[in-house]
């Protein structure tokens, strides 16, 4: 038996575990079906955890209290250069320009297909990332405009006049919605989570590290808004959750759409380069 062979009895179990962790054993797809289900379950559990954190604990208030200077009656970082200028203006502008360029590249390729995106998974990755760059900020903003929650600096607890309400709690009579949940500014960087696709398909451990790295800019922007008193911790966590959910949904939908298109081309007799690339990959 060759030295690299594995026990046939344990190979199926290893493949199933790898697939559940991220779909690395599905070279014809960015994300296998078991991997998508696994990530969906993780997102559902994360949603419950974030909800419980905001609804049944005082973590939001404790962190905001630590950032608030009661003697001065203000959040010291509210007008600091790092948080008010670099984070809220410079970094956001850079990320917005990057998003616009990616969206323009995807639109241009849809109208005039570019050879550079004919490589395996390149076009699918571009489209998912571009749609994420558009939808993550837009969906976050729409949800924010429909929420009742107030920002910390608007609350009576921190020098404002508004009441503190938790998620799904009713506002007191006569009080208008605060429109502050989820965190909108963080979403300008959280679409970067879609860059994890550059590491898929592949070893799940590497993809998880890439995911953590891709989340860092958006979470950093969210943290600096918390320093200013503009958001609570759970506001940022909900924005990160929304970004991850949108990216997962886009991968599933666009991947399925591309698979249907490939089947139609095969039925029409157009197997050309895509089929040949698959054969070459499996031969390696």
C-alpha atoms as a PDB file:
ATOM      1  CA  UNK A   1       0.000   0.000   0.000  1.00  0.00           C
ATOM      2  CA  UNK A   2       1.396   3.468  -0.829  1.00  0.00           C
ATOM      3  CA  UNK A   3       2.608   5.501   2.134  1.00  0.00           C
ATOM      4  CA  UNK A   4       0.064   8.274   1.548  1.00  0.00           C
ATOM      5  CA  UNK A   5      -3.004   6.016   1.510  1.00  0.00           C
ATOM      6  CA  UNK A   6      -5.593   6.252   4.285  1.00  0.00           C
ATOM      7  CA  UNK A   7      -7.847   3.750   5.959  1.00  0.00           C
ATOM      8  CA  UNK A   8     -11.064   3.447   3.864  1.00  0.00           C
ATOM      9  CA  UNK A   9     -13.062   2.990   7.055  1.00  0.00           C
ATOM     10  CA  UNK A  10     -12.182   6.416   8.423  1.00  0.00           C
ATOM     11  CA  UNK A  11     -11.932   8.384   5.146  1.00  0.00           C
ATOM     12  CA  UNK A  12     -15.712   9.095   4.792  1.00  0.00           C
ATOM     13  CA  UNK A  13     -15.881  10.410   8.352  1.00  0.00           C
ATOM     14  CA  UNK A  14     -12.882  12.684   7.748  1.00  0.00           C
ATOM     15  CA  UNK A  15     -14.437  14.026   4.541  1.00  0.00           C
ATOM     16  CA  UNK A  16     -17.761  14.732   6.264  1.00  0.00           C
ATOM     17  CA  UNK A  17     -16.043  16.554   9.117  1.00  0.00           C
ATOM     18  CA  UNK A  18     -13.978  18.660   6.727  1.00  0.00           C
ATOM     19  CA  UNK A  19     -17.066  19.478   4.655  1.00  0.00           C
ATOM     20  CA  UNK A  20     -18.998  20.545   7.749  1.00  0.00           C
ATOM     21  CA  UNK A  21     -16.134  22.794   8.796  1.00  0.00           C
ATOM     22  CA  UNK A  22     -16.101  24.730   5.553  1.00  0.00           C
ATOM     23  CA  UNK A  23     -16.530  22.709   2.404  1.00  0.00           C
ATOM     24  CA  UNK A  24     -12.859  22.175   1.589  1.00  0.00           C
ATOM     25  CA  UNK A  25     -13.633  18.752   0.101  1.00  0.00           C
ATOM     26  CA  UNK A  26     -15.846  20.262  -2.610  1.00  0.00           C
ATOM     27  CA  UNK A  27     -13.446  21.568  -5.277  1.00  0.00           C
ATOM     28  CA  UNK A  28     -16.338  22.338  -7.635  1.00  0.00           C
ATOM     29  CA  UNK A  29     -17.932  24.773  -5.177  1.00  0.00           C
ATOM     30  CA  UNK A  30     -16.736  27.646  -3.042  1.00  0.00           C
ATOM     31  CA  UNK A  31     -18.763  26.289  -0.149  1.00  0.00           C
ATOM     32  CA  UNK A  32     -20.237  22.810   0.175  1.00  0.00           C
ATOM     33  CA  UNK A  33     -23.829  22.281   1.259  1.00  0.00           C
ATOM     34  CA  UNK A  34     -22.812  20.831   4.608  1.00  0.00           C
ATOM     35  CA  UNK A  35     -20.486  23.763   5.170  1.00  0.00           C
ATOM     36  CA  UNK A  36     -23.316  26.210   4.401  1.00  0.00           C
ATOM     37  CA  UNK A  37     -25.636  24.427   6.856  1.00  0.00           C
ATOM     38  CA  UNK A  38     -22.906  24.375   9.491  1.00  0.00           C
ATOM     39  CA  UNK A  39     -22.300  28.119   9.101  1.00  0.00           C
ATOM     40  CA  UNK A  40     -26.052  28.785   9.167  1.00  0.00           C
ATOM     41  CA  UNK A  41     -26.326  26.980  12.494  1.00  0.00           C
ATOM     42  CA  UNK A  42     -23.369  28.965  13.851  1.00  0.00           C
ATOM     43  CA  UNK A  43     -25.045  32.211  12.777  1.00  0.00           C
ATOM     44  CA  UNK A  44     -28.304  31.197  14.480  1.00  0.00           C
ATOM     45  CA  UNK A  45     -26.448  30.451  17.713  1.00  0.00           C
ATOM     46  CA  UNK A  46     -24.517  33.720  17.437  1.00  0.00           C
ATOM     47  CA  UNK A  47     -27.784  35.638  17.017  1.00  0.00           C
ATOM     48  CA  UNK A  48     -29.160  34.063  20.189  1.00  0.00           C
ATOM     49  CA  UNK A  49     -25.953  34.912  22.059  1.00  0.00           C
ATOM     50  CA  UNK A  50     -25.961  38.567  20.945  1.00  0.00           C
ATOM     51  CA  UNK A  51     -29.663  38.874  21.756  1.00  0.00           C
ATOM     52  CA  UNK A  52     -29.132  37.423  25.238  1.00  0.00           C
ATOM     53  CA  UNK A  53     -26.134  39.715  25.815  1.00  0.00           C
ATOM     54  CA  UNK A  54     -28.183  42.818  25.071  1.00  0.00           C
ATOM     55  CA  UNK A  55     -31.507  41.745  26.553  1.00  0.00           C
ATOM     56  CA  UNK A  56     -30.522  39.962  29.759  1.00  0.00           C
ATOM     57  CA  UNK A  57     -27.194  41.536  30.757  1.00  0.00           C
ATOM     58  CA  UNK A  58     -25.897  45.057  31.387  1.00  0.00           C
ATOM     59  CA  UNK A  59     -22.747  44.551  29.308  1.00  0.00           C
ATOM     60  CA  UNK A  60     -23.672  47.449  26.992  1.00  0.00           C
ATOM     61  CA  UNK A  61     -24.176  49.849  29.884  1.00  0.00           C
ATOM     62  CA  UNK A  62     -21.087  48.656  31.777  1.00  0.00           C
ATOM     63  CA  UNK A  63     -18.839  49.258  28.762  1.00  0.00           C
ATOM     64  CA  UNK A  64     -20.409  52.633  27.981  1.00  0.00           C
ATOM     65  CA  UNK A  65     -20.075  53.624  31.648  1.00  0.00           C
ATOM     66  CA  UNK A  66     -16.352  52.818  31.468  1.00  0.00           C
ATOM     67  CA  UNK A  67     -15.949  55.060  28.423  1.00  0.00           C
ATOM     68  CA  UNK A  68     -17.994  57.935  29.846  1.00  0.00           C
ATOM     69  CA  UNK A  69     -16.423  60.658  31.998  1.00  0.00           C
ATOM     70  CA  UNK A  70     -19.064  61.577  34.561  1.00  0.00           C
ATOM     71  CA  UNK A  71     -17.020  64.439  35.980  1.00  0.00           C
ATOM     72  CA  UNK A  72     -16.856  66.099  32.554  1.00  0.00           C
ATOM     73  CA  UNK A  73     -20.339  64.901  31.558  1.00  0.00           C
ATOM     74  CA  UNK A  74     -19.112  63.652  28.177  1.00  0.00           C
ATOM     75  CA  UNK A  75     -17.445  60.851  26.265  1.00  0.00           C
ATOM     76  CA  UNK A  76     -13.795  62.022  26.091  1.00  0.00           C
ATOM     77  CA  UNK A  77     -13.201  60.355  22.713  1.00  0.00           C
ATOM     78  CA  UNK A  78     -16.246  61.908  21.044  1.00  0.00           C
ATOM     79  CA  UNK A  79     -14.334  64.617  19.177  1.00  0.00           C
ATOM     80  CA  UNK A  80     -10.830  63.078  19.197  1.00  0.00           C
ATOM     81  CA  UNK A  81      -8.962  63.028  15.886  1.00  0.00           C
ATOM     82  CA  UNK A  82      -8.617  59.225  15.881  1.00  0.00           C
ATOM     83  CA  UNK A  83     -12.323  58.559  16.323  1.00  0.00           C
ATOM     84  CA  UNK A  84     -14.019  61.595  14.782  1.00  0.00           C
ATOM     85  CA  UNK A  85     -11.684  62.315  11.857  1.00  0.00           C
ATOM     86  CA  UNK A  86      -9.618  59.244  11.025  1.00  0.00           C
ATOM     87  CA  UNK A  87     -12.254  56.605  11.744  1.00  0.00           C
ATOM     88  CA  UNK A  88     -15.430  58.461  10.854  1.00  0.00           C
ATOM     89  CA  UNK A  89     -14.124  60.310   7.800  1.00  0.00           C
ATOM     90  CA  UNK A  90     -10.805  59.102   6.411  1.00  0.00           C
ATOM     91  CA  UNK A  91     -11.174  55.347   6.948  1.00  0.00           C
ATOM     92  CA  UNK A  92     -14.823  55.377   5.916  1.00  0.00           C
ATOM     93  CA  UNK A  93     -14.000  57.281   2.723  1.00  0.00           C
ATOM     94  CA  UNK A  94     -11.219  54.844   1.800  1.00  0.00           C
ATOM     95  CA  UNK A  95     -13.478  51.833   2.381  1.00  0.00           C
ATOM     96  CA  UNK A  96     -16.353  53.429   0.476  1.00  0.00           C
ATOM     97  CA  UNK A  97     -14.113  54.157  -2.518  1.00  0.00           C
ATOM     98  CA  UNK A  98     -12.856  50.560  -2.451  1.00  0.00           C
ATOM     99  CA  UNK A  99     -16.458  49.313  -2.377  1.00  0.00           C
ATOM    100  CA  UNK A 100     -17.446  51.520  -5.313  1.00  0.00           C
ATOM    101  CA  UNK A 101     -14.469  50.319  -7.365  1.00  0.00           C
ATOM    102  CA  UNK A 102     -15.326  46.672  -6.734  1.00  0.00           C
ATOM    103  CA  UNK A 103     -18.975  47.244  -7.625  1.00  0.00           C
ATOM    104  CA  UNK A 104     -17.902  49.057 -10.802  1.00  0.00           C
ATOM    105  CA  UNK A 105     -15.566  46.153 -11.684  1.00  0.00           C
ATOM    106  CA  UNK A 106     -18.391  43.640 -11.235  1.00  0.00           C
ATOM    107  CA  UNK A 107     -20.813  45.717 -13.318  1.00  0.00           C
ATOM    108  CA  UNK A 108     -18.195  46.227 -16.017  1.00  0.00           C
ATOM    109  CA  UNK A 109     -17.447  42.511 -16.151  1.00  0.00           C
ATOM    110  CA  UNK A 110     -21.164  41.710 -16.383  1.00  0.00           C
ATOM    111  CA  UNK A 111     -21.450  44.003 -19.421  1.00  0.00           C
ATOM    112  CA  UNK A 112     -18.059  43.276 -20.999  1.00  0.00           C
ATOM    113  CA  UNK A 113     -16.682  39.999 -19.599  1.00  0.00           C
ATOM    114  CA  UNK A 114     -12.979  40.303 -18.840  1.00  0.00           C
ATOM    115  CA  UNK A 115     -10.590  37.377 -19.459  1.00  0.00           C
ATOM    116  CA  UNK A 116      -8.944  37.882 -16.051  1.00  0.00           C
ATOM    117  CA  UNK A 117     -12.169  36.709 -14.393  1.00  0.00           C
ATOM    118  CA  UNK A 118     -12.383  33.552 -16.500  1.00  0.00           C
ATOM    119  CA  UNK A 119     -10.151  31.838 -13.981  1.00  0.00           C
ATOM    120  CA  UNK A 120     -11.702  29.286 -11.675  1.00  0.00           C
ATOM    121  CA  UNK A 121     -14.141  30.921  -9.192  1.00  0.00           C
ATOM    122  CA  UNK A 122     -12.769  34.416  -9.974  1.00  0.00           C
ATOM    123  CA  UNK A 123     -16.023  35.786 -11.388  1.00  0.00           C
ATOM    124  CA  UNK A 124     -18.138  34.262  -8.604  1.00  0.00           C
ATOM    125  CA  UNK A 125     -15.833  35.715  -5.941  1.00  0.00           C
ATOM    126  CA  UNK A 126     -15.955  39.154  -7.573  1.00  0.00           C
ATOM    127  CA  UNK A 127     -19.743  39.168  -7.716  1.00  0.00           C
ATOM    128  CA  UNK A 128     -20.217  38.027  -4.125  1.00  0.00           C
ATOM    129  CA  UNK A 129     -17.718  40.606  -2.836  1.00  0.00           C
ATOM    130  CA  UNK A 130     -19.268  43.398  -4.935  1.00  0.00           C
ATOM    131  CA  UNK A 131     -22.810  42.546  -3.834  1.00  0.00           C
ATOM    132  CA  UNK A 132     -21.578  42.431  -0.237  1.00  0.00           C
ATOM    133  CA  UNK A 133     -19.966  45.860  -0.594  1.00  0.00           C
ATOM    134  CA  UNK A 134     -23.366  47.181  -1.680  1.00  0.00           C
ATOM    135  CA  UNK A 135     -25.794  45.226   0.489  1.00  0.00           C
ATOM    136  CA  UNK A 136     -24.038  45.162   3.865  1.00  0.00           C
ATOM    137  CA  UNK A 137     -24.116  48.977   4.337  1.00  0.00           C
ATOM    138  CA  UNK A 138     -27.548  49.352   2.688  1.00  0.00           C
ATOM    139  CA  UNK A 139     -29.283  46.624   4.697  1.00  0.00           C
ATOM    140  CA  UNK A 140     -27.648  47.815   7.921  1.00  0.00           C
ATOM    141  CA  UNK A 141     -28.798  51.379   7.252  1.00  0.00           C
ATOM    142  CA  UNK A 142     -32.369  50.276   6.494  1.00  0.00           C
ATOM    143  CA  UNK A 143     -32.553  48.225   9.693  1.00  0.00           C
ATOM    144  CA  UNK A 144     -31.100  51.139  11.645  1.00  0.00           C
ATOM    145  CA  UNK A 145     -33.783  53.492  10.351  1.00  0.00           C
ATOM    146  CA  UNK A 146     -36.489  51.095  11.532  1.00  0.00           C
ATOM    147  CA  UNK A 147     -35.134  50.565  15.073  1.00  0.00           C
ATOM    148  CA  UNK A 148     -36.282  52.158  18.322  1.00  0.00           C
ATOM    149  CA  UNK A 149     -32.923  52.042  20.125  1.00  0.00           C
ATOM    150  CA  UNK A 150     -31.045  55.220  21.004  1.00  0.00           C
ATOM    151  CA  UNK A 151     -27.318  55.874  20.866  1.00  0.00           C
ATOM    152  CA  UNK A 152     -25.540  56.142  24.234  1.00  0.00           C
ATOM    153  CA  UNK A 153     -24.874  59.871  23.916  1.00  0.00           C
ATOM    154  CA  UNK A 154     -28.636  60.464  23.508  1.00  0.00           C
ATOM    155  CA  UNK A 155     -29.534  58.728  26.761  1.00  0.00           C
ATOM    156  CA  UNK A 156     -30.344  60.534  30.001  1.00  0.00           C
ATOM    157  CA  UNK A 157     -27.746  58.282  31.658  1.00  0.00           C
ATOM    158  CA  UNK A 158     -25.050  60.005  29.585  1.00  0.00           C
ATOM    159  CA  UNK A 159     -26.235  63.600  29.530  1.00  0.00           C
ATOM    160  CA  UNK A 160     -28.996  63.290  26.943  1.00  0.00           C
ATOM    161  CA  UNK A 161     -32.743  62.987  27.432  1.00  0.00           C
ATOM    162  CA  UNK A 162     -33.807  59.660  25.870  1.00  0.00           C
ATOM    163  CA  UNK A 163     -34.710  56.491  27.803  1.00  0.00           C
ATOM    164  CA  UNK A 164     -32.680  53.301  27.557  1.00  0.00           C
ATOM    165  CA  UNK A 165     -34.616  50.478  25.906  1.00  0.00           C
ATOM    166  CA  UNK A 166     -33.419  47.004  25.054  1.00  0.00           C
ATOM    167  CA  UNK A 167     -34.030  45.158  21.807  1.00  0.00           C
ATOM    168  CA  UNK A 168     -37.750  44.498  21.220  1.00  0.00           C
ATOM    169  CA  UNK A 169     -38.756  46.561  24.269  1.00  0.00           C
ATOM    170  CA  UNK A 170     -41.474  49.146  23.675  1.00  0.00           C
ATOM    171  CA  UNK A 171     -40.660  52.842  23.915  1.00  0.00           C
ATOM    172  CA  UNK A 172     -42.492  54.881  26.542  1.00  0.00           C
ATOM    173  CA  UNK A 173     -45.563  56.714  25.251  1.00  0.00           C
ATOM    174  CA  UNK A 174     -44.713  59.854  23.314  1.00  0.00           C
ATOM    175  CA  UNK A 175     -41.046  58.959  22.782  1.00  0.00           C
ATOM    176  CA  UNK A 176     -39.891  58.825  19.155  1.00  0.00           C
ATOM    177  CA  UNK A 177     -37.609  56.042  17.835  1.00  0.00           C
ATOM    178  CA  UNK A 178     -33.864  56.552  18.190  1.00  0.00           C
ATOM    179  CA  UNK A 179     -32.742  54.810  14.952  1.00  0.00           C
ATOM    180  CA  UNK A 180     -29.369  53.674  16.342  1.00  0.00           C
ATOM    181  CA  UNK A 181     -29.312  49.862  16.053  1.00  0.00           C
ATOM    182  CA  UNK A 182     -27.355  48.269  14.349  1.00  0.00           C
ATOM    183  CA  UNK A 183     -24.123  50.228  13.950  1.00  0.00           C
ATOM    184  CA  UNK A 184     -24.087  51.896  10.552  1.00  0.00           C
ATOM    185  CA  UNK A 185     -20.512  53.191  10.537  1.00  0.00           C
ATOM    186  CA  UNK A 186     -19.051  49.751  11.255  1.00  0.00           C
ATOM    187  CA  UNK A 187     -20.853  48.352   8.205  1.00  0.00           C
ATOM    188  CA  UNK A 188     -18.661  50.499   5.950  1.00  0.00           C
ATOM    189  CA  UNK A 189     -15.856  48.075   6.803  1.00  0.00           C
ATOM    190  CA  UNK A 190     -17.748  44.902   7.646  1.00  0.00           C
ATOM    191  CA  UNK A 191     -18.417  44.065   3.978  1.00  0.00           C
ATOM    192  CA  UNK A 192     -14.736  43.084   3.912  1.00  0.00           C
ATOM    193  CA  UNK A 193     -15.817  39.814   5.513  1.00  0.00           C
ATOM    194  CA  UNK A 194     -16.605  38.696   1.946  1.00  0.00           C
ATOM    195  CA  UNK A 195     -12.851  38.607   1.257  1.00  0.00           C
ATOM    196  CA  UNK A 196     -12.793  35.261   3.046  1.00  0.00           C
ATOM    197  CA  UNK A 197     -13.908  33.842  -0.324  1.00  0.00           C
ATOM    198  CA  UNK A 198     -10.360  34.338  -1.573  1.00  0.00           C
ATOM    199  CA  UNK A 199      -9.431  31.433   0.725  1.00  0.00           C
ATOM    200  CA  UNK A 200     -12.304  29.167  -0.360  1.00  0.00           C
ATOM    201  CA  UNK A 201     -12.365  26.388  -1.259  1.00  0.00           C
ATOM    202  CA  UNK A 202      -9.431  25.411   0.907  1.00  0.00           C
ATOM    203  CA  UNK A 203      -8.354  24.265   4.345  1.00  0.00           C
ATOM    204  CA  UNK A 204     -11.026  25.349   6.863  1.00  0.00           C
ATOM    205  CA  UNK A 205      -8.465  26.469   9.433  1.00  0.00           C
ATOM    206  CA  UNK A 206      -6.968  28.941   6.963  1.00  0.00           C
ATOM    207  CA  UNK A 207     -10.432  30.221   6.030  1.00  0.00           C
ATOM    208  CA  UNK A 208     -11.325  30.808   9.686  1.00  0.00           C
ATOM    209  CA  UNK A 209      -8.145  32.831  10.184  1.00  0.00           C
ATOM    210  CA  UNK A 210      -8.963  34.857   7.079  1.00  0.00           C
ATOM    211  CA  UNK A 211     -12.479  35.466   8.406  1.00  0.00           C
ATOM    212  CA  UNK A 212     -11.142  36.800  11.705  1.00  0.00           C
ATOM    213  CA  UNK A 213      -8.759  39.091   9.829  1.00  0.00           C
ATOM    214  CA  UNK A 214     -11.502  40.328   7.472  1.00  0.00           C
ATOM    215  CA  UNK A 215     -13.760  41.197  10.411  1.00  0.00           C
ATOM    216  CA  UNK A 216     -11.088  43.271  12.124  1.00  0.00           C
ATOM    217  CA  UNK A 217     -11.458  46.595  10.207  1.00  0.00           C
ATOM    218  CA  UNK A 218     -15.231  46.748  10.675  1.00  0.00           C
ATOM    219  CA  UNK A 219     -15.053  45.777  14.337  1.00  0.00           C
ATOM    220  CA  UNK A 220     -12.320  48.382  14.870  1.00  0.00           C
ATOM    221  CA  UNK A 221     -14.549  51.073  13.333  1.00  0.00           C
ATOM    222  CA  UNK A 222     -17.386  49.897  15.552  1.00  0.00           C
ATOM    223  CA  UNK A 223     -15.189  50.031  18.640  1.00  0.00           C
ATOM    224  CA  UNK A 224     -14.109  53.603  17.903  1.00  0.00           C
ATOM    225  CA  UNK A 225     -17.769  54.585  17.588  1.00  0.00           C
ATOM    226  CA  UNK A 226     -18.366  53.003  20.983  1.00  0.00           C
ATOM    227  CA  UNK A 227     -15.499  55.105  22.351  1.00  0.00           C
ATOM    228  CA  UNK A 228     -17.320  58.197  21.066  1.00  0.00           C
ATOM    229  CA  UNK A 229     -20.590  57.164  22.698  1.00  0.00           C
ATOM    230  CA  UNK A 230     -22.224  56.661  19.295  1.00  0.00           C
ATOM    231  CA  UNK A 231     -23.060  52.957  19.758  1.00  0.00           C
ATOM    232  CA  UNK A 232     -23.264  50.132  22.246  1.00  0.00           C
ATOM    233  CA  UNK A 233     -21.286  46.908  21.962  1.00  0.00           C
ATOM    234  CA  UNK A 234     -24.289  44.889  20.785  1.00  0.00           C
ATOM    235  CA  UNK A 235     -24.952  47.437  18.028  1.00  0.00           C
ATOM    236  CA  UNK A 236     -21.565  46.569  16.526  1.00  0.00           C
ATOM    237  CA  UNK A 237     -22.031  42.835  17.080  1.00  0.00           C
ATOM    238  CA  UNK A 238     -25.382  42.908  15.277  1.00  0.00           C
ATOM    239  CA  UNK A 239     -23.761  44.704  12.343  1.00  0.00           C
ATOM    240  CA  UNK A 240     -21.068  42.020  12.165  1.00  0.00           C
ATOM    241  CA  UNK A 241     -23.744  39.318  12.297  1.00  0.00           C
ATOM    242  CA  UNK A 242     -25.712  40.960   9.488  1.00  0.00           C
ATOM    243  CA  UNK A 243     -22.580  41.183   7.333  1.00  0.00           C
ATOM    244  CA  UNK A 244     -21.753  37.499   7.828  1.00  0.00           C
ATOM    245  CA  UNK A 245     -25.352  36.460   7.135  1.00  0.00           C
ATOM    246  CA  UNK A 246     -25.487  38.504   3.919  1.00  0.00           C
ATOM    247  CA  UNK A 247     -22.210  37.063   2.649  1.00  0.00           C
ATOM    248  CA  UNK A 248     -23.312  33.494   3.386  1.00  0.00           C
ATOM    249  CA  UNK A 249     -26.649  34.057   1.655  1.00  0.00           C
ATOM    250  CA  UNK A 250     -24.948  35.594  -1.380  1.00  0.00           C
ATOM    251  CA  UNK A 251     -22.533  32.677  -1.692  1.00  0.00           C
ATOM    252  CA  UNK A 252     -25.374  30.153  -1.552  1.00  0.00           C
ATOM    253  CA  UNK A 253     -27.582  32.027  -4.033  1.00  0.00           C
ATOM    254  CA  UNK A 254     -24.947  33.070  -6.572  1.00  0.00           C
ATOM    255  CA  UNK A 255     -23.199  29.721  -6.423  1.00  0.00           C
ATOM    256  CA  UNK A 256     -26.489  27.946  -7.124  1.00  0.00           C
ATOM    257  CA  UNK A 257     -27.211  30.381  -9.955  1.00  0.00           C
ATOM    258  CA  UNK A 258     -23.822  29.724 -11.515  1.00  0.00           C
ATOM    259  CA  UNK A 259     -24.317  25.958 -11.185  1.00  0.00           C
ATOM    260  CA  UNK A 260     -27.662  26.194 -13.004  1.00  0.00           C
ATOM    261  CA  UNK A 261     -26.017  28.211 -15.764  1.00  0.00           C
ATOM    262  CA  UNK A 262     -23.244  25.634 -16.099  1.00  0.00           C
ATOM    263  CA  UNK A 263     -25.792  22.821 -16.406  1.00  0.00           C
ATOM    264  CA  UNK A 264     -27.647  24.718 -19.121  1.00  0.00           C
ATOM    265  CA  UNK A 265     -24.416  25.238 -21.060  1.00  0.00           C
ATOM    266  CA  UNK A 266     -23.598  21.542 -20.815  1.00  0.00           C
ATOM    267  CA  UNK A 267     -27.071  20.608 -22.036  1.00  0.00           C
ATOM    268  CA  UNK A 268     -26.551  22.964 -24.956  1.00  0.00           C
ATOM    269  CA  UNK A 269     -23.250  21.271 -25.764  1.00  0.00           C
ATOM    270  CA  UNK A 270     -21.049  24.144 -24.535  1.00  0.00           C
ATOM    271  CA  UNK A 271     -18.517  22.373 -22.338  1.00  0.00           C
ATOM    272  CA  UNK A 272     -15.455  24.307 -23.556  1.00  0.00           C
ATOM    273  CA  UNK A 273     -12.987  25.761 -21.073  1.00  0.00           C
ATOM    274  CA  UNK A 274     -14.926  25.382 -17.832  1.00  0.00           C
ATOM    275  CA  UNK A 275     -15.250  21.585 -18.171  1.00  0.00           C
ATOM    276  CA  UNK A 276     -11.631  21.271 -19.246  1.00  0.00           C
ATOM    277  CA  UNK A 277     -10.475  23.276 -16.230  1.00  0.00           C
ATOM    278  CA  UNK A 278     -12.395  20.932 -13.948  1.00  0.00           C
ATOM    279  CA  UNK A 279     -10.768  17.898 -15.582  1.00  0.00           C
ATOM    280  CA  UNK A 280      -7.311  19.438 -15.178  1.00  0.00           C
ATOM    281  CA  UNK A 281      -7.989  20.203 -11.521  1.00  0.00           C
ATOM    282  CA  UNK A 282      -9.068  16.662 -10.732  1.00  0.00           C
ATOM    283  CA  UNK A 283      -6.045  15.274 -12.545  1.00  0.00           C
ATOM    284  CA  UNK A 284      -3.593  17.065 -10.303  1.00  0.00           C
END
